[in-house]
Amino acid sequence: MTTDTGLCYLTLHELAACIKAKDVSPVEATEATLERINSEVAPP
């Protein structure tokens, strides 16, 4: 499907379709989003 970071750039409709099709789990989507947030706010 997509890379974990790619999940962060899907629209909600696209992400919902992926979850419904079981291409990605809600946990994977949440973890990818949290990882992106942490990488943006973490000190260098």
N, C-alpha and C. Protein backbone atom coordinates (compact mmCIF):
# COMPACT_ATOMS: atom_id res chain seq x y z
N MET A 1 0.85 -1.18 0.00
CA MET A 1 0.00 0.00 0.00
C MET A 1 0.88 1.22 0.00
N THR A 2 1.07 1.90 1.10
CA THR A 2 1.91 3.09 1.17
C THR A 2 2.89 2.90 2.32
N THR A 3 3.86 3.77 2.36
CA THR A 3 4.77 3.74 3.50
C THR A 3 4.02 4.30 4.71
N ASP A 4 4.56 4.07 5.88
CA ASP A 4 3.91 4.58 7.09
C ASP A 4 3.76 6.09 7.05
N THR A 5 4.81 6.78 6.59
CA THR A 5 4.71 8.23 6.54
C THR A 5 3.73 8.66 5.47
N GLY A 6 3.57 7.86 4.42
CA GLY A 6 2.61 8.16 3.38
C GLY A 6 1.18 8.16 3.90
N LEU A 7 0.95 7.40 4.94
CA LEU A 7 -0.39 7.35 5.53
C LEU A 7 -0.82 8.72 6.04
N CYS A 8 0.13 9.50 6.47
CA CYS A 8 -0.16 10.83 7.03
C CYS A 8 -0.66 11.81 5.98
N TYR A 9 -0.42 11.50 4.73
CA TYR A 9 -0.78 12.43 3.66
C TYR A 9 -2.03 12.01 2.90
N LEU A 10 -2.64 10.91 3.31
CA LEU A 10 -3.90 10.49 2.70
C LEU A 10 -5.03 11.36 3.23
N THR A 11 -6.06 11.54 2.41
CA THR A 11 -7.25 12.23 2.93
C THR A 11 -7.95 11.27 3.88
N LEU A 12 -8.85 11.80 4.67
CA LEU A 12 -9.59 10.93 5.59
C LEU A 12 -10.41 9.89 4.83
N HIS A 13 -10.95 10.27 3.69
CA HIS A 13 -11.73 9.32 2.89
C HIS A 13 -10.84 8.19 2.37
N GLU A 14 -9.64 8.54 1.91
CA GLU A 14 -8.71 7.53 1.42
C GLU A 14 -8.26 6.61 2.56
N LEU A 15 -7.95 7.21 3.70
CA LEU A 15 -7.52 6.41 4.85
C LEU A 15 -8.63 5.49 5.33
N ALA A 16 -9.85 6.00 5.37
CA ALA A 16 -10.99 5.18 5.78
C ALA A 16 -11.18 4.00 4.83
N ALA A 17 -11.00 4.24 3.54
CA ALA A 17 -11.13 3.16 2.55
C ALA A 17 -10.05 2.10 2.77
N CYS A 18 -8.84 2.55 3.07
CA CYS A 18 -7.74 1.61 3.34
C CYS A 18 -8.01 0.78 4.58
N ILE A 19 -8.53 1.42 5.61
CA ILE A 19 -8.85 0.70 6.84
C ILE A 19 -9.99 -0.28 6.59
N LYS A 20 -11.02 0.16 5.87
CA LYS A 20 -12.16 -0.71 5.58
C LYS A 20 -11.74 -1.92 4.76
N ALA A 21 -10.80 -1.71 3.82
CA ALA A 21 -10.31 -2.80 2.98
C ALA A 21 -9.27 -3.66 3.71
N LYS A 22 -8.95 -3.26 4.93
CA LYS A 22 -7.95 -3.95 5.76
C LYS A 22 -6.56 -3.93 5.14
N ASP A 23 -6.28 -2.87 4.35
CA ASP A 23 -4.93 -2.66 3.83
C ASP A 23 -4.03 -2.09 4.91
N VAL A 24 -4.64 -1.41 5.86
CA VAL A 24 -3.90 -0.80 6.96
C VAL A 24 -4.82 -0.86 8.19
N SER A 25 -4.22 -0.99 9.36
CA SER A 25 -5.03 -1.03 10.58
C SER A 25 -5.13 0.37 11.17
N PRO A 26 -6.16 0.62 11.97
CA PRO A 26 -6.26 1.91 12.64
C PRO A 26 -5.05 2.18 13.54
N VAL A 27 -4.49 1.14 14.11
CA VAL A 27 -3.31 1.29 14.96
C VAL A 27 -2.12 1.77 14.12
N GLU A 28 -1.92 1.19 12.94
CA GLU A 28 -0.84 1.62 12.06
C GLU A 28 -1.00 3.08 11.67
N ALA A 29 -2.23 3.48 11.35
CA ALA A 29 -2.49 4.87 10.96
C ALA A 29 -2.19 5.82 12.11
N THR A 30 -2.60 5.45 13.30
CA THR A 30 -2.35 6.28 14.48
C THR A 30 -0.86 6.37 14.78
N GLU A 31 -0.18 5.24 14.74
CA GLU A 31 1.26 5.24 15.01
C GLU A 31 2.02 6.08 13.99
N ALA A 32 1.63 6.01 12.72
CA ALA A 32 2.30 6.80 11.68
C ALA A 32 2.08 8.29 11.93
N THR A 33 0.89 8.66 12.34
CA THR A 33 0.59 10.07 12.61
C THR A 33 1.38 10.56 13.82
N LEU A 34 1.42 9.77 14.87
CA LEU A 34 2.17 10.16 16.07
C LEU A 34 3.67 10.25 15.78
N GLU A 35 4.17 9.34 14.95
CA GLU A 35 5.58 9.37 14.56
C GLU A 35 5.90 10.66 13.82
N ARG A 36 5.01 11.05 12.91
CA ARG A 36 5.21 12.31 12.16
C ARG A 36 5.19 13.51 13.09
N ILE A 37 4.25 13.54 14.03
CA ILE A 37 4.16 14.64 14.98
C ILE A 37 5.44 14.71 15.83
N ASN A 38 5.87 13.58 16.32
CA ASN A 38 7.07 13.54 17.16
C ASN A 38 8.31 13.99 16.40
N SER A 39 8.39 13.65 15.13
CA SER A 39 9.56 14.04 14.34
C SER A 39 9.58 15.54 14.07
N GLU A 40 8.42 16.15 14.06
CA GLU A 40 8.34 17.60 13.80
C GLU A 40 8.57 18.43 15.05
N VAL A 41 8.28 17.91 16.22
CA VAL A 41 8.42 18.69 17.45
C VAL A 41 9.65 18.28 18.27
N ALA A 42 10.28 17.19 17.91
CA ALA A 42 11.44 16.73 18.67
C ALA A 42 12.63 17.65 18.40
N PRO A 43 13.38 17.98 19.43
CA PRO A 43 14.57 18.80 19.24
C PRO A 43 15.60 18.06 18.39
N PRO A 44 16.38 18.78 17.61
CA PRO A 44 17.38 18.12 16.73
C PRO A 44 18.47 17.42 17.48
